Structure formats: C-alpha cells, structure tokens
C-alpha atoms as a PDB file:
ATOM      1  CA  MET A   1       4.727  15.227  35.894  1.00  0.00           C
ATOM      2  CA  ILE A   2       2.130  15.909  38.560  1.00  0.00           C
ATOM      3  CA  GLU A   3       1.424  19.354  39.928  1.00  0.00           C
ATOM      4  CA  GLN A   4      -0.966  20.980  42.394  1.00  0.00           C
ATOM      5  CA  ILE A   5      -2.460  24.330  41.311  1.00  0.00           C
ATOM      6  CA  GLU A   6      -3.725  26.571  44.089  1.00  0.00           C
ATOM      7  CA  GLY A   7      -7.083  28.335  43.942  1.00  0.00           C
ATOM      8  CA  ARG A   8     -10.520  28.300  45.483  1.00  0.00           C
ATOM      9  CA  ASP A   9     -11.709  24.991  46.881  1.00  0.00           C
ATOM     10  CA  ALA A  10     -14.174  23.358  44.495  1.00  0.00           C
ATOM     11  CA  GLY A  11     -13.659  19.837  45.828  1.00  0.00           C
ATOM     12  CA  ASP A  12     -11.028  17.282  44.924  1.00  0.00           C
ATOM     13  CA  VAL A  13     -10.340  18.073  41.251  1.00  0.00           C
ATOM     14  CA  MET A  14      -7.955  15.860  39.249  1.00  0.00           C
ATOM     15  CA  LEU A  15      -7.052  16.384  35.584  1.00  0.00           C
ATOM     16  CA  TYR A  16      -5.349  13.609  33.625  1.00  0.00           C
ATOM     17  CA  GLY A  17      -3.780  14.789  30.395  1.00  0.00           C
ATOM     18  CA  LEU A  18      -0.905  14.871  27.948  1.00  0.00           C
ATOM     19  CA  SER A  19       1.478  17.763  27.339  1.00  0.00           C
ATOM     20  CA  THR A  20       0.887  17.478  23.589  1.00  0.00           C
ATOM     21  CA  CYS A  21      -2.937  17.401  23.736  1.00  0.00           C
ATOM     22  CA  MET A  22      -4.655  20.593  22.563  1.00  0.00           C
ATOM     23  CA  TRP A  23      -7.862  19.735  24.487  1.00  0.00           C
ATOM     24  CA  CYS A  24      -5.882  19.040  27.660  1.00  0.00           C
ATOM     25  CA  LYS A  25      -4.284  22.481  27.380  1.00  0.00           C
ATOM     26  CA  LYS A  26      -7.721  24.058  26.908  1.00  0.00           C
ATOM     27  CA  MET A  27      -9.058  22.199  29.955  1.00  0.00           C
ATOM     28  CA  LYS A  28      -6.111  23.369  32.080  1.00  0.00           C
ATOM     29  CA  LYS A  29      -6.614  26.944  30.856  1.00  0.00           C
ATOM     30  CA  LEU A  30     -10.332  26.774  31.727  1.00  0.00           C
ATOM     31  CA  LEU A  31      -9.557  25.534  35.242  1.00  0.00           C
ATOM     32  CA  ASP A  32      -6.973  28.305  35.636  1.00  0.00           C
ATOM     33  CA  GLU A  33      -9.503  30.922  34.485  1.00  0.00           C
ATOM     34  CA  MET A  34     -12.044  29.544  36.968  1.00  0.00           C
ATOM     35  CA  GLU A  35      -9.368  29.899  39.658  1.00  0.00           C
ATOM     36  CA  VAL A  36     -10.064  26.497  41.207  1.00  0.00           C
ATOM     37  CA  LYS A  37      -7.609  24.357  43.107  1.00  0.00           C
ATOM     38  CA  TYR A  38      -6.751  21.223  41.154  1.00  0.00           C
ATOM     39  CA  THR A  39      -4.127  18.584  40.566  1.00  0.00           C
ATOM     40  CA  TYR A  40      -3.012  17.605  37.113  1.00  0.00           C
ATOM     41  CA  ALA A  41      -0.983  14.720  35.820  1.00  0.00           C
ATOM     42  CA  LEU A  42       0.720  14.898  32.431  1.00  0.00           C
ATOM     43  CA  LEU A  43       1.227  11.226  31.771  1.00  0.00           C
ATOM     44  CA  ASP A  44       3.541  11.572  28.773  1.00  0.00           C
ATOM     45  CA  LEU A  45       6.100  13.437  30.935  1.00  0.00           C
ATOM     46  CA  MET A  46       6.269  10.703  33.595  1.00  0.00           C
ATOM     47  CA  GLU A  47       8.645   7.814  34.038  1.00  0.00           C
ATOM     48  CA  GLU A  48       7.130   4.482  32.994  1.00  0.00           C
ATOM     49  CA  GLU A  49       6.223   3.211  36.480  1.00  0.00           C
ATOM     50  CA  GLU A  50       4.562   6.476  37.543  1.00  0.00           C
ATOM     51  CA  LYS A  51       2.775   6.770  34.188  1.00  0.00           C
ATOM     52  CA  ASN A  52       1.366   3.245  34.523  1.00  0.00           C
ATOM     53  CA  HIS A  53       0.113   4.050  38.045  1.00  0.00           C
ATOM     54  CA  TYR A  54      -1.784   7.162  36.918  1.00  0.00           C
ATOM     55  CA  LEU A  55      -3.062   5.487  33.754  1.00  0.00           C
ATOM     56  CA  GLU A  56      -4.580   2.667  35.814  1.00  0.00           C
ATOM     57  CA  GLU A  57      -6.037   5.230  38.238  1.00  0.00           C
ATOM     58  CA  MET A  58      -7.556   7.172  35.340  1.00  0.00           C
ATOM     59  CA  LYS A  59      -8.997   4.051  33.711  1.00  0.00           C
ATOM     60  CA  VAL A  60     -11.240   3.544  36.755  1.00  0.00           C
ATOM     61  CA  TRP A  61     -13.094   6.641  35.501  1.00  0.00           C
ATOM     62  CA  ASN A  62     -12.386   6.370  31.786  1.00  0.00           C
ATOM     63  CA  PRO A  63     -11.765   2.782  30.609  1.00  0.00           C
ATOM     64  CA  ARG A  64     -10.952   4.025  27.078  1.00  0.00           C
ATOM     65  CA  GLY A  65      -7.985   5.923  28.466  1.00  0.00           C
ATOM     66  CA  SER A  66      -8.660   9.068  26.417  1.00  0.00           C
ATOM     67  CA  PHE A  67      -7.581  12.596  27.307  1.00  0.00           C
ATOM     68  CA  PRO A  68      -8.421  14.874  28.942  1.00  0.00           C
ATOM     69  CA  THR A  69     -10.166  13.148  31.813  1.00  0.00           C
ATOM     70  CA  LEU A  70     -11.370  15.332  34.681  1.00  0.00           C
ATOM     71  CA  VAL A  71     -12.526  13.755  37.957  1.00  0.00           C
ATOM     72  CA  ILE A  72     -14.238  15.791  40.673  1.00  0.00           C
ATOM     73  CA  ASP A  73     -14.652  14.418  44.211  1.00  0.00           C
ATOM     74  CA  ASP A  74     -14.168  10.835  42.982  1.00  0.00           C
ATOM     75  CA  LYS A  75     -17.704  10.856  41.579  1.00  0.00           C
ATOM     76  CA  THR A  76     -18.084  13.284  38.674  1.00  0.00           C
ATOM     77  CA  LYS A  77     -16.142  12.547  35.522  1.00  0.00           C
ATOM     78  CA  ILE A  78     -15.851  14.661  32.419  1.00  0.00           C
ATOM     79  CA  ILE A  79     -14.178  12.988  29.478  1.00  0.00           C
ATOM     80  CA  GLY A  80     -12.961  15.259  26.719  1.00  0.00           C
ATOM     81  CA  TYR A  81     -13.239  19.038  26.701  1.00  0.00           C
ATOM     82  CA  ASP A  82     -16.748  20.116  27.695  1.00  0.00           C
ATOM     83  CA  GLU A  83     -16.677  23.698  28.965  1.00  0.00           C
ATOM     84  CA  ASP A  84     -20.353  23.787  29.946  1.00  0.00           C
ATOM     85  CA  ARG A  85     -20.153  20.595  32.045  1.00  0.00           C
ATOM     86  CA  VAL A  86     -16.977  21.789  33.765  1.00  0.00           C
ATOM     87  CA  LYS A  87     -18.529  25.137  34.643  1.00  0.00           C
ATOM     88  CA  GLU A  88     -21.710  23.475  35.874  1.00  0.00           C
ATOM     89  CA  ALA A  89     -19.730  21.070  38.058  1.00  0.00           C
ATOM     90  CA  LEU A  90     -17.320  23.623  39.528  1.00  0.00           C
ATOM     91  CA  GLU A  91     -19.203  26.937  39.847  1.00  0.00           C
END
C-alpha cells in the first residue's frame, strides 16, 4: 500500500514502513501532527513485485532494510524513530 498524505510542503518526504511496526506508526503520527505532505509505503501490505520494488528503493538509503526509514528530498535519511531529527529536518 502506498498513499500520499496532503499537508504543507516540506520537500519530497517518503516514509517506508510496515503496518505492524510500532515505530512506523509513531513516525506517521508525528508527520501527521506536523501537518507535512508526505508519501508512505507500507511494504507488508503490498503484492510481492511492488514490495520488492520499494524494498530495493529503500535499501539505497538504508542497506539494512530496517523500519521506519524516512527520506527527505533524496538526501536526508532518518532511520528508526528519531523525533528530534525529524522536527529539525522538517520545521
């Protein structure tokens, strides 16, 4: 599943996560509270081919393949839940 969330423009923000990941849910909630526009991909809810595509895309930024992975403007990456780094990058 991939979805675009509307909000204020803070750059190209992409969140890779899992529907069952507590930290992914917290990251999504933080982005919602910050009211930023972002795209998120829940890899465990995707068909195999789509999941493999997004997993390979994510591994460019996070070779370990851990969740959540947040990428901002194809240059800033935040791996794991780090509220302070997210706020610093997006406010």
